[in-house]
Amino acid sequence: MDCRSEACCFPTHMKLPDEMLAQHRTIARGMLAVMLFVMLAKLVAMAKEMAIAWRYGVGEVVDGYLFVFNLVSWPVGVWLSVLAVVLVPLATRLRRDDTAGLQVFRAELLGLTLLIGVVLALAAWLGLPVLLARSGLGWRPACAWSRWMPCPCWLWCR
């Protein structure tokens, strides 16, 4: 069979080069948008670190803040990483194969995420005061009153 015509070179299940090029451009634009938002998030994080260093300097207050902030944000980061790796291919497959199933999946995912968020918030609200009250962490007695507060008021104890 002579492969001089375009229909012969590309089977019917494959897309034509123009359609493929448009898809590649769309993917590249999406990657650039993600890169832009990641850079913006890193700049905001850098500004936050600089503001904390400027306001509090170095010492036990800053160490305590960073410890609690990382302790609270770690589960959220793990959950978002898992969602990024698992959810994107699954949602793409559901969008392609089962549109009605995609709506059910999104509703279930929202419910699960809200449930996990409430459980983690309650665990943090109940667990952080106990963790901060432990004498092994080296908190000063002047900041002991704030361990029962649901917000990190102990940051301002100096």
Protein backbone atom coordinates (compact mmCIF):
# COMPACT_ATOMS: atom_id res chain seq x y z
CA MET A 1 0.00 0.00 0.00
CA ASP A 2 1.36 3.40 -0.98
CA CYS A 3 1.58 5.84 1.93
CA ARG A 4 1.44 9.12 0.05
CA SER A 5 -1.98 10.22 1.22
CA GLU A 6 -2.53 11.50 4.73
CA ALA A 7 -5.39 9.09 5.38
CA CYS A 8 -3.10 6.15 4.72
CA CYS A 9 -0.34 7.23 7.10
CA PHE A 10 -2.61 7.90 10.09
CA PRO A 11 -4.97 5.17 11.22
CA THR A 12 -8.51 6.22 12.05
CA HIS A 13 -7.96 5.96 15.80
CA MET A 14 -5.04 8.40 15.73
CA LYS A 15 -5.47 12.15 15.55
CA LEU A 16 -4.17 14.25 12.69
CA PRO A 17 -0.96 16.25 13.30
CA ASP A 18 -2.84 19.58 13.61
CA GLU A 19 -5.06 18.17 16.36
CA MET A 20 -2.02 16.72 18.13
CA LEU A 21 -0.21 20.05 17.91
CA ALA A 22 -3.21 21.86 19.40
CA GLN A 23 -3.26 19.35 22.27
CA HIS A 24 0.46 19.84 22.87
CA ARG A 25 -0.02 23.60 22.98
CA THR A 26 -2.84 23.20 25.49
CA ILE A 27 -0.66 20.96 27.67
CA ALA A 28 2.24 23.43 27.46
CA ARG A 29 -0.04 26.32 28.45
CA GLY A 30 -1.31 24.31 31.42
CA MET A 31 2.25 23.52 32.49
CA LEU A 32 3.20 27.19 32.27
CA ALA A 33 0.19 28.15 34.39
CA VAL A 34 1.14 25.58 37.02
CA MET A 35 4.75 26.80 36.97
CA LEU A 36 3.57 30.40 37.41
CA PHE A 37 1.41 29.53 40.43
CA VAL A 38 4.17 27.42 42.01
CA MET A 39 6.59 30.32 41.65
CA LEU A 40 4.01 32.68 43.13
CA ALA A 41 3.46 30.32 46.08
CA LYS A 42 7.22 30.08 46.67
CA LEU A 43 7.52 33.88 46.62
CA VAL A 44 4.71 34.19 49.18
CA ALA A 45 6.38 31.53 51.36
CA MET A 46 9.67 33.42 51.11
CA ALA A 47 7.96 36.67 52.11
CA LYS A 48 6.35 34.89 55.09
CA GLU A 49 9.69 33.54 56.26
CA MET A 50 11.29 36.97 55.87
CA ALA A 51 8.47 38.64 57.82
CA ILE A 52 8.79 36.12 60.65
CA ALA A 53 12.57 36.54 60.75
CA TRP A 54 12.24 40.33 60.72
CA ARG A 55 9.58 40.41 63.46
CA TYR A 56 10.80 37.68 65.80
CA GLY A 57 14.42 37.06 64.86
CA VAL A 58 15.76 33.76 66.13
CA GLY A 59 14.89 31.99 69.34
CA GLU A 60 12.44 29.70 71.02
CA VAL A 61 9.38 31.64 69.88
CA VAL A 62 10.28 31.21 66.22
CA ASP A 63 11.24 27.58 66.77
CA GLY A 64 7.91 26.94 68.47
CA TYR A 65 5.98 28.65 65.71
CA LEU A 66 7.74 26.70 62.98
CA PHE A 67 7.29 23.43 64.89
CA VAL A 68 3.55 23.90 65.34
CA PHE A 69 3.03 25.30 61.84
CA ASN A 70 4.79 22.32 60.25
CA LEU A 71 2.97 19.91 62.55
CA VAL A 72 -0.40 21.31 61.51
CA SER A 73 0.34 21.71 57.78
CA TRP A 74 2.02 18.35 57.24
CA PRO A 75 -1.20 16.25 56.95
CA VAL A 76 -2.66 18.74 54.50
CA GLY A 77 0.47 18.58 52.35
CA VAL A 78 0.43 14.79 52.33
CA TRP A 79 -3.27 14.71 51.40
CA LEU A 80 -2.78 17.18 48.54
CA SER A 81 0.22 15.23 47.24
CA VAL A 82 -1.79 12.02 47.18
CA LEU A 83 -4.65 13.78 45.44
CA ALA A 84 -2.33 15.21 42.80
CA VAL A 85 -0.85 11.81 41.99
CA VAL A 86 -4.04 9.75 42.16
CA LEU A 87 -6.88 12.14 41.40
CA VAL A 88 -5.77 13.67 38.11
CA PRO A 89 -5.50 10.39 36.13
CA LEU A 90 -8.66 9.05 37.75
CA ALA A 91 -10.67 12.19 36.99
CA THR A 92 -9.40 12.21 33.41
CA ARG A 93 -10.43 8.59 32.91
CA LEU A 94 -13.84 9.21 34.49
CA ARG A 95 -14.41 12.31 32.36
CA ARG A 96 -13.63 10.29 29.25
CA ASP A 97 -15.51 7.10 30.15
CA ASP A 98 -18.30 7.89 32.63
CA THR A 99 -19.56 11.47 32.94
CA ALA A 100 -22.31 10.62 35.44
CA GLY A 101 -19.83 8.70 37.55
CA LEU A 102 -17.57 11.76 37.63
CA GLN A 103 -20.26 13.83 39.38
CA VAL A 104 -20.79 11.10 41.97
CA PHE A 105 -17.04 10.76 42.48
CA ARG A 106 -16.63 14.51 42.98
CA ALA A 107 -19.44 14.56 45.56
CA GLU A 108 -17.91 11.59 47.40
CA LEU A 109 -14.45 13.18 47.31
CA LEU A 110 -15.81 16.44 48.70
CA GLY A 111 -17.58 14.59 51.52
CA LEU A 112 -14.46 12.58 52.37
CA THR A 113 -12.26 15.66 52.31
CA LEU A 114 -14.64 17.58 54.59
CA LEU A 115 -14.80 14.63 56.99
CA ILE A 116 -11.01 14.32 57.10
CA GLY A 117 -10.70 18.09 57.58
CA VAL A 118 -13.11 18.12 60.51
CA VAL A 119 -11.39 15.13 62.14
CA LEU A 120 -7.94 16.71 61.73
CA ALA A 121 -9.19 20.07 63.02
CA LEU A 122 -10.66 18.42 66.12
CA ALA A 123 -7.48 16.40 66.63
CA ALA A 124 -5.38 19.55 66.37
CA TRP A 125 -7.69 21.51 68.66
CA LEU A 126 -7.65 18.79 71.30
CA GLY A 127 -4.13 17.45 70.73
CA LEU A 128 -2.02 20.58 70.37
CA PRO A 129 -2.76 21.88 73.89
CA VAL A 130 -1.75 18.51 75.31
CA LEU A 131 1.39 18.50 73.19
CA LEU A 132 2.27 22.05 74.21
CA ALA A 133 1.64 21.27 77.88
CA ARG A 134 4.24 18.52 77.94
CA SER A 135 7.28 19.59 79.87
CA GLY A 136 9.67 17.82 77.49
CA LEU A 137 9.26 20.49 74.83
CA GLY A 138 10.87 23.23 76.90
CA TRP A 139 8.16 25.91 76.78
CA ARG A 140 8.47 28.70 79.29
CA PRO A 141 5.96 28.79 82.16
CA ALA A 142 4.89 32.30 81.15
CA CYS A 143 3.36 30.85 78.00
CA ALA A 144 1.60 27.96 79.75
CA TRP A 145 -1.73 29.85 80.01
CA SER A 146 -2.11 30.00 76.25
CA ARG A 147 -1.90 26.26 75.66
CA TRP A 148 -5.67 26.08 76.12
CA MET A 149 -6.34 28.66 73.46
CA PRO A 150 -7.40 27.32 70.04
CA CYS A 151 -5.09 29.83 68.34
CA PRO A 152 -1.32 30.10 68.71
CA CYS A 153 -1.45 33.04 71.15
CA TRP A 154 1.72 31.76 72.79
CA LEU A 155 3.67 33.32 69.91
CA TRP A 156 3.33 36.71 71.54
CA CYS A 157 4.60 35.59 74.94
CA ARG A 158 8.10 36.89 75.33
